[in-house]
C-alpha atoms as a PDB file:
ATOM      1  CA  UNK A   1       0.552  -5.595 -34.638  1.00  0.00           C
ATOM      2  CA  UNK A   2       1.352  -6.331 -38.230  1.00  0.00           C
ATOM      3  CA  UNK A   3       0.277  -9.492 -40.136  1.00  0.00           C
ATOM      4  CA  UNK A   4       3.775 -10.987 -40.006  1.00  0.00           C
ATOM      5  CA  UNK A   5       3.897 -10.690 -36.192  1.00  0.00           C
ATOM      6  CA  UNK A   6       0.529 -12.340 -35.796  1.00  0.00           C
ATOM      7  CA  UNK A   7       1.578 -15.127 -38.083  1.00  0.00           C
ATOM      8  CA  UNK A   8       4.759 -15.711 -36.073  1.00  0.00           C
ATOM      9  CA  UNK A   9       2.720 -15.950 -32.870  1.00  0.00           C
ATOM     10  CA  UNK A  10       0.070 -18.226 -34.505  1.00  0.00           C
ATOM     11  CA  UNK A  11       2.858 -20.579 -35.818  1.00  0.00           C
ATOM     12  CA  UNK A  12       4.656 -20.589 -32.414  1.00  0.00           C
ATOM     13  CA  UNK A  13       1.347 -21.413 -30.725  1.00  0.00           C
ATOM     14  CA  UNK A  14       0.714 -24.262 -33.147  1.00  0.00           C
ATOM     15  CA  UNK A  15       4.272 -25.674 -32.606  1.00  0.00           C
ATOM     16  CA  UNK A  16       3.841 -25.554 -28.734  1.00  0.00           C
ATOM     17  CA  UNK A  17       0.437 -27.317 -28.857  1.00  0.00           C
ATOM     18  CA  UNK A  18       1.783 -29.987 -31.175  1.00  0.00           C
ATOM     19  CA  UNK A  19       4.817 -30.521 -28.821  1.00  0.00           C
ATOM     20  CA  UNK A  20       2.704 -30.609 -25.618  1.00  0.00           C
ATOM     21  CA  UNK A  21       0.294 -33.098 -27.427  1.00  0.00           C
ATOM     22  CA  UNK A  22       3.166 -35.379 -28.615  1.00  0.00           C
ATOM     23  CA  UNK A  23       4.892 -35.161 -25.053  1.00  0.00           C
ATOM     24  CA  UNK A  24       1.661 -36.065 -23.398  1.00  0.00           C
ATOM     25  CA  UNK A  25       1.291 -39.050 -25.602  1.00  0.00           C
ATOM     26  CA  UNK A  26       4.816 -40.236 -24.964  1.00  0.00           C
ATOM     27  CA  UNK A  27       4.415 -39.717 -21.051  1.00  0.00           C
ATOM     28  CA  UNK A  28       1.103 -41.778 -21.103  1.00  0.00           C
ATOM     29  CA  UNK A  29       2.824 -44.728 -22.972  1.00  0.00           C
ATOM     30  CA  UNK A  30       5.821 -44.724 -20.628  1.00  0.00           C
ATOM     31  CA  UNK A  31       5.608 -46.966 -17.416  1.00  0.00           C
ATOM     32  CA  UNK A  32       8.681 -45.555 -15.585  1.00  0.00           C
ATOM     33  CA  UNK A  33       9.285 -48.811 -13.822  1.00  0.00           C
ATOM     34  CA  UNK A  34       5.621 -49.709 -13.090  1.00  0.00           C
ATOM     35  CA  UNK A  35       4.286 -52.904 -14.616  1.00  0.00           C
ATOM     36  CA  UNK A  36       1.828 -52.410 -17.293  1.00  0.00           C
ATOM     37  CA  UNK A  37      -1.445 -54.239 -16.996  1.00  0.00           C
ATOM     38  CA  UNK A  38      -2.207 -56.762 -19.743  1.00  0.00           C
ATOM     39  CA  UNK A  39      -5.809 -57.176 -18.917  1.00  0.00           C
ATOM     40  CA  UNK A  40      -7.750 -59.339 -16.691  1.00  0.00           C
ATOM     41  CA  UNK A  41      -7.792 -62.615 -18.698  1.00  0.00           C
ATOM     42  CA  UNK A  42      -6.049 -65.268 -16.790  1.00  0.00           C
ATOM     43  CA  UNK A  43      -3.484 -67.555 -18.709  1.00  0.00           C
ATOM     44  CA  UNK A  44      -4.537 -71.128 -19.614  1.00  0.00           C
ATOM     45  CA  UNK A  45      -4.425 -73.562 -16.584  1.00  0.00           C
ATOM     46  CA  UNK A  46      -2.138 -75.774 -18.729  1.00  0.00           C
ATOM     47  CA  UNK A  47       0.570 -73.167 -18.319  1.00  0.00           C
ATOM     48  CA  UNK A  48       1.289 -73.953 -14.664  1.00  0.00           C
ATOM     49  CA  UNK A  49       1.924 -77.650 -15.222  1.00  0.00           C
ATOM     50  CA  UNK A  50       3.992 -76.887 -18.360  1.00  0.00           C
ATOM     51  CA  UNK A  51       6.101 -74.438 -16.435  1.00  0.00           C
ATOM     52  CA  UNK A  52       6.608 -76.536 -13.339  1.00  0.00           C
ATOM     53  CA  UNK A  53       7.798 -79.311 -15.611  1.00  0.00           C
ATOM     54  CA  UNK A  54      10.115 -77.229 -17.716  1.00  0.00           C
ATOM     55  CA  UNK A  55      11.265 -74.654 -15.240  1.00  0.00           C
ATOM     56  CA  UNK A  56      11.759 -76.790 -12.136  1.00  0.00           C
ATOM     57  CA  UNK A  57      12.664 -73.747  -9.825  1.00  0.00           C
ATOM     58  CA  UNK A  58       9.053 -72.627 -10.141  1.00  0.00           C
ATOM     59  CA  UNK A  59       7.921 -75.709  -8.022  1.00  0.00           C
ATOM     60  CA  UNK A  60       8.582 -73.974  -4.756  1.00  0.00           C
ATOM     61  CA  UNK A  61       6.615 -70.689  -5.595  1.00  0.00           C
ATOM     62  CA  UNK A  62       3.832 -69.590  -3.432  1.00  0.00           C
ATOM     63  CA  UNK A  63       0.458 -68.817  -4.875  1.00  0.00           C
ATOM     64  CA  UNK A  64       1.020 -65.061  -4.854  1.00  0.00           C
ATOM     65  CA  UNK A  65       4.518 -65.656  -6.665  1.00  0.00           C
ATOM     66  CA  UNK A  66       2.853 -67.763  -9.285  1.00  0.00           C
ATOM     67  CA  UNK A  67       0.176 -65.066  -9.859  1.00  0.00           C
ATOM     68  CA  UNK A  68       3.035 -62.465 -10.137  1.00  0.00           C
ATOM     69  CA  UNK A  69       4.965 -64.723 -12.447  1.00  0.00           C
ATOM     70  CA  UNK A  70       2.046 -65.480 -14.740  1.00  0.00           C
ATOM     71  CA  UNK A  71       1.215 -61.727 -14.908  1.00  0.00           C
ATOM     72  CA  UNK A  72       4.789 -60.904 -15.921  1.00  0.00           C
ATOM     73  CA  UNK A  73       4.745 -63.660 -18.405  1.00  0.00           C
ATOM     74  CA  UNK A  74       1.540 -62.307 -20.035  1.00  0.00           C
ATOM     75  CA  UNK A  75       3.200 -58.923 -20.457  1.00  0.00           C
ATOM     76  CA  UNK A  76       6.379 -60.522 -21.776  1.00  0.00           C
ATOM     77  CA  UNK A  77       4.387 -62.526 -24.390  1.00  0.00           C
ATOM     78  CA  UNK A  78       2.265 -59.478 -25.357  1.00  0.00           C
ATOM     79  CA  UNK A  79       5.196 -57.232 -25.779  1.00  0.00           C
ATOM     80  CA  UNK A  80       7.798 -59.421 -27.455  1.00  0.00           C
ATOM     81  CA  UNK A  81       7.890 -61.305 -30.871  1.00  0.00           C
ATOM     82  CA  UNK A  82       9.217 -64.680 -31.438  1.00  0.00           C
ATOM     83  CA  UNK A  83      10.969 -66.100 -34.528  1.00  0.00           C
ATOM     84  CA  UNK A  84      12.498 -69.364 -35.276  1.00  0.00           C
ATOM     85  CA  UNK A  85      15.684 -69.930 -37.261  1.00  0.00           C
ATOM     86  CA  UNK A  86      17.400 -72.861 -38.702  1.00  0.00           C
ATOM     87  CA  UNK A  87      14.175 -74.437 -39.650  1.00  0.00           C
ATOM     88  CA  UNK A  88      12.798 -74.230 -36.108  1.00  0.00           C
ATOM     89  CA  UNK A  89       9.144 -73.412 -35.758  1.00  0.00           C
ATOM     90  CA  UNK A  90       8.594 -71.718 -32.375  1.00  0.00           C
ATOM     91  CA  UNK A  91       5.574 -73.395 -30.634  1.00  0.00           C
ATOM     92  CA  UNK A  92       3.345 -72.054 -27.944  1.00  0.00           C
ATOM     93  CA  UNK A  93       5.116 -74.253 -25.308  1.00  0.00           C
ATOM     94  CA  UNK A  94       8.433 -72.785 -26.245  1.00  0.00           C
ATOM     95  CA  UNK A  95       7.144 -69.209 -26.002  1.00  0.00           C
ATOM     96  CA  UNK A  96       5.658 -70.043 -22.486  1.00  0.00           C
ATOM     97  CA  UNK A  97       8.852 -71.634 -21.228  1.00  0.00           C
ATOM     98  CA  UNK A  98      11.099 -68.870 -22.526  1.00  0.00           C
ATOM     99  CA  UNK A  99       8.874 -66.355 -20.908  1.00  0.00           C
ATOM    100  CA  UNK A 100       8.658 -68.183 -17.567  1.00  0.00           C
ATOM    101  CA  UNK A 101      12.311 -68.536 -17.267  1.00  0.00           C
ATOM    102  CA  UNK A 102      12.848 -64.786 -18.338  1.00  0.00           C
ATOM    103  CA  UNK A 103      10.301 -63.609 -15.840  1.00  0.00           C
ATOM    104  CA  UNK A 104      11.443 -65.801 -13.080  1.00  0.00           C
ATOM    105  CA  UNK A 105      14.670 -63.724 -13.042  1.00  0.00           C
ATOM    106  CA  UNK A 106      12.828 -60.400 -12.425  1.00  0.00           C
ATOM    107  CA  UNK A 107       9.953 -61.851 -10.296  1.00  0.00           C
ATOM    108  CA  UNK A 108      10.760 -59.955  -7.023  1.00  0.00           C
ATOM    109  CA  UNK A 109      12.693 -57.028  -8.590  1.00  0.00           C
ATOM    110  CA  UNK A 110       9.715 -54.640  -9.302  1.00  0.00           C
ATOM    111  CA  UNK A 111      11.168 -53.591 -12.739  1.00  0.00           C
ATOM    112  CA  UNK A 112       9.740 -53.271 -16.157  1.00  0.00           C
ATOM    113  CA  UNK A 113       9.495 -56.463 -18.178  1.00  0.00           C
ATOM    114  CA  UNK A 114      12.743 -56.274 -20.120  1.00  0.00           C
ATOM    115  CA  UNK A 115      12.114 -52.824 -21.954  1.00  0.00           C
ATOM    116  CA  UNK A 116      15.021 -53.191 -24.173  1.00  0.00           C
ATOM    117  CA  UNK A 117      14.149 -56.451 -25.663  1.00  0.00           C
ATOM    118  CA  UNK A 118      11.881 -56.460 -28.710  1.00  0.00           C
ATOM    119  CA  UNK A 119      12.150 -59.725 -30.050  1.00  0.00           C
ATOM    120  CA  UNK A 120      13.314 -63.380 -29.286  1.00  0.00           C
ATOM    121  CA  UNK A 121      15.062 -65.446 -31.961  1.00  0.00           C
ATOM    122  CA  UNK A 122      15.217 -69.188 -31.313  1.00  0.00           C
ATOM    123  CA  UNK A 123      17.695 -71.582 -33.139  1.00  0.00           C
ATOM    124  CA  UNK A 124      17.157 -75.441 -32.701  1.00  0.00           C
ATOM    125  CA  UNK A 125      20.795 -75.835 -31.388  1.00  0.00           C
ATOM    126  CA  UNK A 126      23.789 -73.958 -30.682  1.00  0.00           C
ATOM    127  CA  UNK A 127      24.675 -71.441 -33.323  1.00  0.00           C
ATOM    128  CA  UNK A 128      27.442 -69.283 -34.844  1.00  0.00           C
ATOM    129  CA  UNK A 129      26.373 -65.768 -35.253  1.00  0.00           C
ATOM    130  CA  UNK A 130      27.230 -63.720 -38.251  1.00  0.00           C
ATOM    131  CA  UNK A 131      29.275 -60.638 -37.307  1.00  0.00           C
ATOM    132  CA  UNK A 132      30.088 -57.430 -39.277  1.00  0.00           C
ATOM    133  CA  UNK A 133      34.050 -57.093 -40.085  1.00  0.00           C
ATOM    134  CA  UNK A 134      35.462 -53.862 -39.484  1.00  0.00           C
ATOM    135  CA  UNK A 135      34.977 -52.929 -43.113  1.00  0.00           C
ATOM    136  CA  UNK A 136      31.185 -53.453 -42.692  1.00  0.00           C
ATOM    137  CA  UNK A 137      31.177 -56.651 -44.664  1.00  0.00           C
ATOM    138  CA  UNK A 138      29.373 -59.798 -43.087  1.00  0.00           C
ATOM    139  CA  UNK A 139      31.259 -62.917 -42.509  1.00  0.00           C
ATOM    140  CA  UNK A 140      30.059 -66.101 -40.782  1.00  0.00           C
ATOM    141  CA  UNK A 141      31.526 -66.736 -37.464  1.00  0.00           C
ATOM    142  CA  UNK A 142      34.513 -65.238 -35.543  1.00  0.00           C
ATOM    143  CA  UNK A 143      37.900 -64.837 -36.965  1.00  0.00           C
ATOM    144  CA  UNK A 144      39.230 -67.362 -34.678  1.00  0.00           C
ATOM    145  CA  UNK A 145      37.971 -71.097 -34.535  1.00  0.00           C
ATOM    146  CA  UNK A 146      34.140 -70.933 -34.331  1.00  0.00           C
ATOM    147  CA  UNK A 147      32.633 -71.107 -30.981  1.00  0.00           C
ATOM    148  CA  UNK A 148      28.967 -71.952 -31.064  1.00  0.00           C
ATOM    149  CA  UNK A 149      26.819 -69.846 -28.737  1.00  0.00           C
ATOM    150  CA  UNK A 150      23.681 -70.993 -26.728  1.00  0.00           C
ATOM    151  CA  UNK A 151      22.462 -67.270 -26.487  1.00  0.00           C
ATOM    152  CA  UNK A 152      23.226 -63.720 -26.812  1.00  0.00           C
ATOM    153  CA  UNK A 153      21.694 -60.188 -26.671  1.00  0.00           C
ATOM    154  CA  UNK A 154      22.197 -57.772 -29.624  1.00  0.00           C
ATOM    155  CA  UNK A 155      20.434 -54.492 -30.216  1.00  0.00           C
ATOM    156  CA  UNK A 156      17.102 -55.317 -28.624  1.00  0.00           C
ATOM    157  CA  UNK A 157      17.070 -58.964 -29.825  1.00  0.00           C
ATOM    158  CA  UNK A 158      17.652 -61.857 -27.656  1.00  0.00           C
ATOM    159  CA  UNK A 159      19.027 -64.988 -29.585  1.00  0.00           C
ATOM    160  CA  UNK A 160      18.670 -68.367 -27.866  1.00  0.00           C
ATOM    161  CA  UNK A 161      19.270 -71.951 -28.851  1.00  0.00           C
ATOM    162  CA  UNK A 162      16.351 -74.387 -28.010  1.00  0.00           C
END
């Protein structure tokens, strides 16, 4: 075997090892529909009263359902970022209530906790989103008379009005 053949084999082996290492790292981070554990720390006891007040549908949950909801919420809050707009400062109470209502929707579905959502943007009231025109320029509001929105999902971002 000449030196060029040895270098090709060595380079191929290095590429294969790198690809396998990266592939293994990606597979270890992927949950494939299983809920990721967020740790054993329990959420503050004040959350339950806050949630029961702000999300009345939770009042009829069993203890097991409350535990599952709180676990989903912890994952949601750990994985998503929150940002206030229009002068709104997102408080812990807002984050908890938004997470509770979002996680209540998937409580019995055994699905990942909104894997396509990266962040939540919260406005103080209904908002008119900025849209890109066909030529790529931004304009504020739709071409027809403005219709304020209460929420929308765009490219991994949930936009809500508080």
